[in-house]
Amino acid sequence: MPVSFRLLTEADVKAVLSMADLIDTMATALRQFSDGGVVQPVRSVIGVGSEHAFFGTMPAYVREPAALGAKLVTVFGSNPARGLPSHLASILLLDPETGALRALLDGRYITEARTAAVSAVSSKLLARPSASTLAIIGSGVQARSHLEALTYIHTLQDVRVWSPTADRRRAFVSELAGHVSPRLTAADSAEQAVREADIVALVTSSPTPVIDAAWVKPGAHVIAVGACRPTQREIPPELTERARLFVDSRAAALVESGDVVMAIKEGRFQADHIVAELGELVNGAPGRRSDTEITIFKSLGLAVEDVTTADLAWRRAVERGIGQTLTL
């Protein structure tokens, strides 16, 4: 018997998802994950051809409301020279009752948007309520999505952006300055961006630390979404050691995050230095204890985030008649 499924392009996905939806949906997904309501292994990653290319598979089953699927994601560092994004993804959504293909969705935008939405959940729970200054290190797609998500959560007054290429950071500011409420400026250095910032978002592809621990002020909240391999780190180890550390998944952080794995090997701390998963904070576990301590959210990205987002997009698309119906 032929199996029919819905094909949703990036434009289709964008048409049915909003950042407000995603922030709420990600909070629920994180809670379900930490509650044990999700069946999900740690991401499986293989190298492709060189040390700069990876292929990851990320399956998940959410028990209630039932959702089943997997993301196939690739990271090819040479893609920008070919006019392609370095990160590409497709998401397969399956019927949890039959296993039949329900939808095939572009996953690039879902990855971009849900990552920022999860960061916004972390900032809502861990940043000081008075936070008004944001430093963004990086000027790619994640910088854009994080600016949108964090502006939704906080009443930001000042946003400073820095990335190694001056033309790119200036282009970022020129493109977005008229579309956001806070003042948006291109910093001349990473230090200038980070000093006195209430929230610091590290959204780079750097395999080595991109800021200095001394630049981060007491009480800041640091969001780190890059360095997703055990041999890479984007946070200064001295900062990770002295800050209060939170993750999306303990199991994943102890395998995939160089910021955690390398520090443990160096004897800086042990696994229990991870205070909690973000989903535990959604459930009411204690997070920030004072206005002066530094908090870090180390994000790796979870399959449940992708599958839950894809399920929401599929349901909205069916309701609105968006996408193409195809048959295998």
Protein backbone atom coordinates (compact mmCIF):
# COMPACT_ATOMS: atom_id res chain seq x y z
CA MET A 1 0.00 0.00 0.00
CA PRO A 2 1.52 3.38 -1.00
CA VAL A 3 2.65 5.68 1.81
CA SER A 4 1.82 9.36 1.46
CA PHE A 5 3.82 12.04 3.27
CA ARG A 6 4.05 15.82 3.38
CA LEU A 7 7.14 17.60 2.04
CA LEU A 8 7.89 20.88 3.83
CA THR A 9 10.54 23.20 2.45
CA GLU A 10 12.42 25.79 4.48
CA ALA A 11 9.93 28.43 3.34
CA ASP A 12 7.04 26.19 4.42
CA VAL A 13 8.57 25.65 7.86
CA LYS A 14 9.19 29.38 8.34
CA ALA A 15 5.58 30.10 7.40
CA VAL A 16 4.17 27.96 10.22
CA LEU A 17 6.61 28.54 13.11
CA SER A 18 7.17 31.62 15.23
CA MET A 19 9.89 32.25 17.83
CA ALA A 20 7.25 32.62 20.54
CA ASP A 21 5.89 29.17 19.65
CA LEU A 22 9.36 27.67 19.67
CA ILE A 23 10.43 29.06 23.04
CA ASP A 24 7.35 27.57 24.71
CA THR A 25 7.68 24.31 22.76
CA MET A 26 11.36 23.94 23.64
CA ALA A 27 10.69 24.49 27.34
CA THR A 28 8.18 21.63 27.22
CA ALA A 29 10.53 19.38 25.21
CA LEU A 30 13.40 19.98 27.65
CA ARG A 31 11.15 19.19 30.61
CA GLN A 32 9.96 15.98 28.97
CA PHE A 33 13.55 14.96 28.25
CA SER A 34 14.73 15.49 31.82
CA ASP A 35 11.56 13.81 33.17
CA GLY A 36 12.34 10.62 31.24
CA GLY A 37 9.45 11.07 28.83
CA VAL A 38 11.74 10.82 25.80
CA VAL A 39 13.59 7.86 24.33
CA GLN A 40 16.74 9.29 22.77
CA PRO A 41 20.34 8.09 22.42
CA VAL A 42 23.31 10.41 22.35
CA ARG A 43 23.85 11.68 18.82
CA SER A 44 25.83 9.33 16.57
CA VAL A 45 28.51 11.20 14.60
CA ILE A 46 30.90 9.94 11.91
CA GLY A 47 33.67 11.81 10.11
CA VAL A 48 33.35 12.27 6.38
CA GLY A 49 36.48 12.53 4.25
CA SER A 50 38.35 14.92 6.51
CA GLU A 51 38.41 16.29 10.03
CA HIS A 52 36.26 19.21 8.90
CA ALA A 53 33.18 17.21 7.84
CA PHE A 54 30.72 15.28 10.01
CA PHE A 55 27.45 13.40 9.59
CA GLY A 56 25.19 13.00 12.61
CA THR A 57 22.01 11.01 13.15
CA MET A 58 19.59 12.12 15.88
CA PRO A 59 16.50 9.95 16.51
CA ALA A 60 13.93 10.54 19.25
CA TYR A 61 10.58 9.23 20.44
CA VAL A 62 8.42 11.47 22.60
CA ARG A 63 5.83 9.52 24.57
CA GLU A 64 3.23 12.24 25.18
CA PRO A 65 2.03 13.77 22.97
CA ALA A 66 3.49 11.05 20.79
CA ALA A 67 6.06 12.08 18.20
CA LEU A 68 8.68 9.98 16.42
CA GLY A 69 11.44 10.94 14.02
CA ALA A 70 15.08 11.66 13.35
CA LYS A 71 17.27 14.45 12.12
CA LEU A 72 20.09 13.81 9.67
CA VAL A 73 22.60 16.63 10.02
CA THR A 74 25.88 17.39 8.27
CA VAL A 75 28.60 19.90 9.08
CA PHE A 76 30.96 20.60 6.17
CA GLY A 77 33.40 23.42 6.89
CA SER A 78 34.17 23.88 3.19
CA ASN A 79 30.55 24.53 2.19
CA PRO A 80 30.58 28.35 2.41
CA ALA A 81 33.19 28.42 -0.37
CA ARG A 82 30.67 26.48 -2.46
CA GLY A 83 27.86 28.87 -1.64
CA LEU A 84 26.22 26.43 0.79
CA PRO A 85 25.60 26.66 4.55
CA SER A 86 28.14 24.75 6.64
CA HIS A 87 25.29 23.10 8.56
CA LEU A 88 22.59 21.26 6.59
CA ALA A 89 19.84 18.99 7.87
CA SER A 90 16.75 17.02 6.96
CA ILE A 91 14.16 15.73 9.41
CA LEU A 92 12.11 12.57 8.94
CA LEU A 93 8.87 12.58 10.91
CA LEU A 94 7.22 9.17 11.35
CA ASP A 95 3.76 8.07 12.45
CA PRO A 96 4.29 6.86 16.04
CA GLU A 97 1.51 4.26 15.62
CA THR A 98 2.68 2.67 12.37
CA GLY A 99 6.24 3.86 11.73
CA ALA A 100 5.17 5.12 8.28
CA LEU A 101 6.78 8.27 6.92
CA ARG A 102 4.60 11.22 7.88
CA ALA A 103 6.70 14.17 6.69
CA LEU A 104 10.08 15.14 5.29
CA LEU A 105 11.13 18.60 6.41
CA ASP A 106 14.02 20.89 5.74
CA GLY A 107 15.98 20.87 8.99
CA ARG A 108 18.39 23.75 8.47
CA TYR A 109 16.01 26.45 9.64
CA ILE A 110 14.57 24.25 12.40
CA THR A 111 18.10 23.72 13.74
CA GLU A 112 18.81 27.44 13.58
CA ALA A 113 15.58 28.53 15.24
CA ARG A 114 15.19 25.84 17.90
CA THR A 115 18.80 26.34 19.02
CA ALA A 116 18.12 30.01 19.69
CA ALA A 117 14.81 29.18 21.36
CA VAL A 118 16.55 26.80 23.78
CA SER A 119 19.13 29.49 24.52
CA ALA A 120 16.27 31.87 25.26
CA VAL A 121 14.82 29.34 27.71
CA SER A 122 18.21 29.20 29.45
CA SER A 123 18.43 32.98 29.61
CA LYS A 124 14.90 33.31 30.96
CA LEU A 125 15.77 30.87 33.76
CA LEU A 126 19.40 31.84 34.48
CA ALA A 127 20.13 35.43 33.44
CA ARG A 128 19.43 38.19 35.93
CA PRO A 129 15.93 39.66 35.43
CA SER A 130 17.49 43.09 34.93
CA ALA A 131 19.73 41.92 32.07
CA SER A 132 19.81 44.60 29.38
CA THR A 133 23.18 44.25 27.60
CA LEU A 134 23.95 41.43 25.18
CA ALA A 135 27.26 40.48 23.57
CA ILE A 136 27.11 38.23 20.52
CA ILE A 137 30.36 36.60 19.41
CA GLY A 138 29.74 35.51 15.84
CA SER A 139 27.79 37.02 12.95
CA GLY A 140 26.28 34.04 11.14
CA VAL A 141 22.78 32.56 11.14
CA GLN A 142 22.95 31.65 14.82
CA ALA A 143 23.82 35.24 15.69
CA ARG A 144 20.68 36.36 13.88
CA SER A 145 18.39 33.80 15.50
CA HIS A 146 19.83 34.44 18.96
CA LEU A 147 19.30 38.17 18.59
CA GLU A 148 15.65 37.51 17.75
CA ALA A 149 15.09 34.99 20.55
CA LEU A 150 16.86 36.92 23.31
CA THR A 151 15.15 40.17 22.33
CA TYR A 152 11.87 38.33 22.80
CA ILE A 153 12.83 37.30 26.36
CA HIS A 154 14.65 40.39 27.66
CA THR A 155 14.19 44.15 27.43
CA LEU A 156 17.58 44.70 25.86
CA GLN A 157 19.04 48.17 25.54
CA ASP A 158 22.46 47.49 24.05
CA VAL A 159 23.66 44.66 21.77
CA ARG A 160 27.31 44.45 20.76
CA VAL A 161 28.39 42.07 18.00
CA TRP A 162 31.89 40.89 17.18
CA SER A 163 33.27 38.36 14.73
CA PRO A 164 36.78 38.05 13.25
CA THR A 165 35.87 39.54 9.87
CA ALA A 166 35.12 43.27 10.13
CA ASP A 167 33.05 43.35 6.93
CA ARG A 168 30.78 40.56 8.20
CA ARG A 169 30.08 42.12 11.57
CA ARG A 170 29.42 45.50 9.97
CA ALA A 171 27.09 43.86 7.44
CA PHE A 172 25.25 42.12 10.29
CA VAL A 173 24.64 45.42 12.06
CA SER A 174 23.70 47.21 8.84
CA GLU A 175 21.17 44.51 7.96
CA LEU A 176 19.47 44.21 11.35
CA ALA A 177 19.86 47.59 13.09
CA GLY A 178 16.53 48.89 11.82
CA HIS A 179 14.63 45.74 12.75
CA VAL A 180 15.36 45.44 16.49
CA SER A 181 14.63 47.73 19.42
CA PRO A 182 18.00 47.75 21.24
CA ARG A 183 20.98 49.70 20.00
CA LEU A 184 23.04 47.37 17.81
CA THR A 185 26.73 48.06 17.27
CA ALA A 186 29.73 46.29 15.76
CA ALA A 187 32.45 46.01 18.40
CA ASP A 188 36.09 46.50 17.44
CA SER A 189 37.17 43.51 19.52
CA ALA A 190 35.69 40.52 21.34
CA GLU A 191 36.78 42.13 24.60
CA GLN A 192 34.91 45.34 23.82
CA ALA A 193 31.78 43.31 23.14
CA VAL A 194 31.97 41.14 26.26
CA ARG A 195 33.07 43.63 28.94
CA GLU A 196 30.09 44.58 31.14
CA ALA A 197 27.64 42.45 29.12
CA ASP A 198 24.84 40.85 31.13
CA ILE A 199 24.43 38.04 28.60
CA VAL A 200 27.19 36.64 26.37
CA ALA A 201 26.19 34.44 23.42
CA LEU A 202 29.00 32.42 21.84
CA VAL A 203 27.71 31.40 18.41
CA THR A 204 30.88 30.57 16.48
CA SER A 205 32.46 27.59 14.76
CA SER A 206 35.77 28.10 16.57
CA PRO A 207 37.40 24.96 18.04
CA THR A 208 39.26 27.07 20.62
CA PRO A 209 38.12 29.65 23.22
CA VAL A 210 36.91 32.88 21.65
CA ILE A 211 36.82 35.05 24.78
CA ASP A 212 38.92 35.58 27.90
CA ALA A 213 37.53 34.61 31.31
CA ALA A 214 38.60 37.97 32.76
CA TRP A 215 36.25 39.83 30.42
CA VAL A 216 33.09 38.20 31.80
CA LYS A 217 31.61 40.27 34.59
CA PRO A 218 30.16 38.87 37.83
CA GLY A 219 26.52 37.97 37.38
CA ALA A 220 26.72 37.40 33.62
CA HIS A 221 24.98 34.53 31.86
CA VAL A 222 27.03 32.84 29.13
CA ILE A 223 25.35 30.86 26.35
CA ALA A 224 27.67 28.58 24.33
CA VAL A 225 26.22 26.82 21.28
CA GLY A 226 29.32 25.93 19.24
CA ALA A 227 32.16 23.43 19.89
CA CYS A 228 30.02 20.29 19.77
CA ARG A 229 32.90 17.82 19.50
CA PRO A 230 34.95 16.43 22.43
CA THR A 231 38.16 17.94 21.03
CA GLN A 232 36.75 21.46 20.72
CA ARG A 233 36.06 24.14 23.31
CA GLU A 234 34.79 27.71 22.95
CA ILE A 235 34.66 28.69 26.63
CA PRO A 236 37.88 29.50 28.51
CA PRO A 237 38.42 26.52 30.83
CA GLU A 238 39.03 28.84 33.79
CA LEU A 239 35.56 30.28 33.26
CA THR A 240 33.86 26.89 32.95
CA GLU A 241 35.62 25.81 36.15
CA ARG A 242 34.47 28.73 38.29
CA ALA A 243 30.99 29.26 36.86
CA ARG A 244 27.75 27.45 37.64
CA LEU A 245 27.37 25.06 34.68
CA PHE A 246 24.11 23.90 33.10
CA VAL A 247 23.57 21.70 30.01
CA ASP A 248 20.74 20.39 27.86
CA SER A 249 21.80 16.76 28.44
CA ARG A 250 24.28 15.41 30.98
CA ALA A 251 24.83 12.25 28.94
CA ALA A 252 25.59 14.22 25.78
CA ALA A 253 27.78 16.82 27.53
CA LEU A 254 29.98 14.11 29.05
CA VAL A 255 30.58 12.62 25.60
CA GLU A 256 30.35 15.46 23.07
CA SER A 257 31.25 18.74 24.77
CA GLY A 258 34.95 19.52 24.70
CA ASP A 259 34.30 22.28 27.25
CA VAL A 260 33.30 19.51 29.67
CA VAL A 261 35.26 16.47 28.44
CA MET A 262 38.61 18.26 28.18
CA ALA A 263 38.22 19.97 31.55
CA ILE A 264 37.50 16.65 33.26
CA LYS A 265 40.58 15.09 31.64
CA GLU A 266 42.64 18.05 32.85
CA GLY A 267 41.39 17.52 36.41
CA ARG A 268 39.65 20.88 36.59
CA PHE A 269 36.38 19.35 37.80
CA GLN A 270 34.35 16.15 37.74
CA ALA A 271 31.04 15.24 36.14
CA ASP A 272 29.11 16.58 39.12
CA HIS A 273 30.28 20.08 38.24
CA ILE A 274 27.24 20.07 35.94
CA VAL A 275 24.59 21.55 38.21
CA ALA A 276 21.51 20.52 36.25
CA GLU A 277 19.94 19.99 32.88
CA LEU A 278 17.85 22.85 31.56
CA GLY A 279 14.75 20.66 31.71
CA GLU A 280 15.26 20.25 35.44
CA LEU A 281 15.21 24.04 35.80
CA VAL A 282 11.96 24.17 33.83
CA ASN A 283 10.66 21.73 36.45
CA GLY A 284 11.66 24.10 39.25
CA ALA A 285 15.19 22.98 40.19
CA PRO A 286 17.35 25.84 41.55
CA GLY A 287 19.46 27.75 39.05
CA ARG A 288 21.09 31.09 39.79
CA ARG A 289 21.77 31.60 43.50
CA SER A 290 22.99 35.20 43.52
CA ASP A 291 23.34 38.30 41.37
CA THR A 292 27.12 37.92 41.29
CA GLU A 293 27.70 34.34 40.23
CA ILE A 294 28.36 33.56 36.56
CA THR A 295 26.10 30.98 34.93
CA ILE A 296 26.89 29.02 31.77
CA PHE A 297 24.49 27.13 29.54
CA LYS A 298 26.39 24.72 27.30
CA SER A 299 24.09 23.77 24.44
CA LEU A 300 24.68 20.72 22.25
CA GLY A 301 21.24 20.34 20.68
CA LEU A 302 18.91 17.41 21.29
CA ALA A 303 16.95 15.23 18.89
CA VAL A 304 13.81 15.81 20.94
CA GLU A 305 14.05 19.51 20.12
CA ASP A 306 14.11 18.75 16.39
CA VAL A 307 11.40 16.10 16.44
CA THR A 308 9.08 18.20 18.63
CA THR A 309 9.59 21.23 16.38
CA ALA A 310 9.04 19.15 13.24
CA ASP A 311 5.86 17.68 14.71
CA LEU A 312 4.55 21.19 15.48
CA ALA A 313 5.43 22.36 11.95
CA TRP A 314 3.73 19.33 10.39
CA ARG A 315 0.52 19.82 12.39
CA ARG A 316 0.38 23.51 11.51
CA ALA A 317 1.08 22.75 7.84
CA VAL A 318 -1.73 20.18 7.69
CA GLU A 319 -4.15 22.66 9.28
CA ARG A 320 -3.23 25.38 6.76
CA GLY A 321 -2.78 23.21 3.68
CA ILE A 322 0.91 24.11 3.34
CA GLY A 323 3.46 21.83 1.65
CA GLN A 324 3.29 19.09 -0.96
CA THR A 325 1.77 15.66 -0.49
CA LEU A 326 3.92 12.98 -2.10
CA THR A 327 3.72 9.20 -2.32
CA LEU A 328 6.50 6.67 -1.95
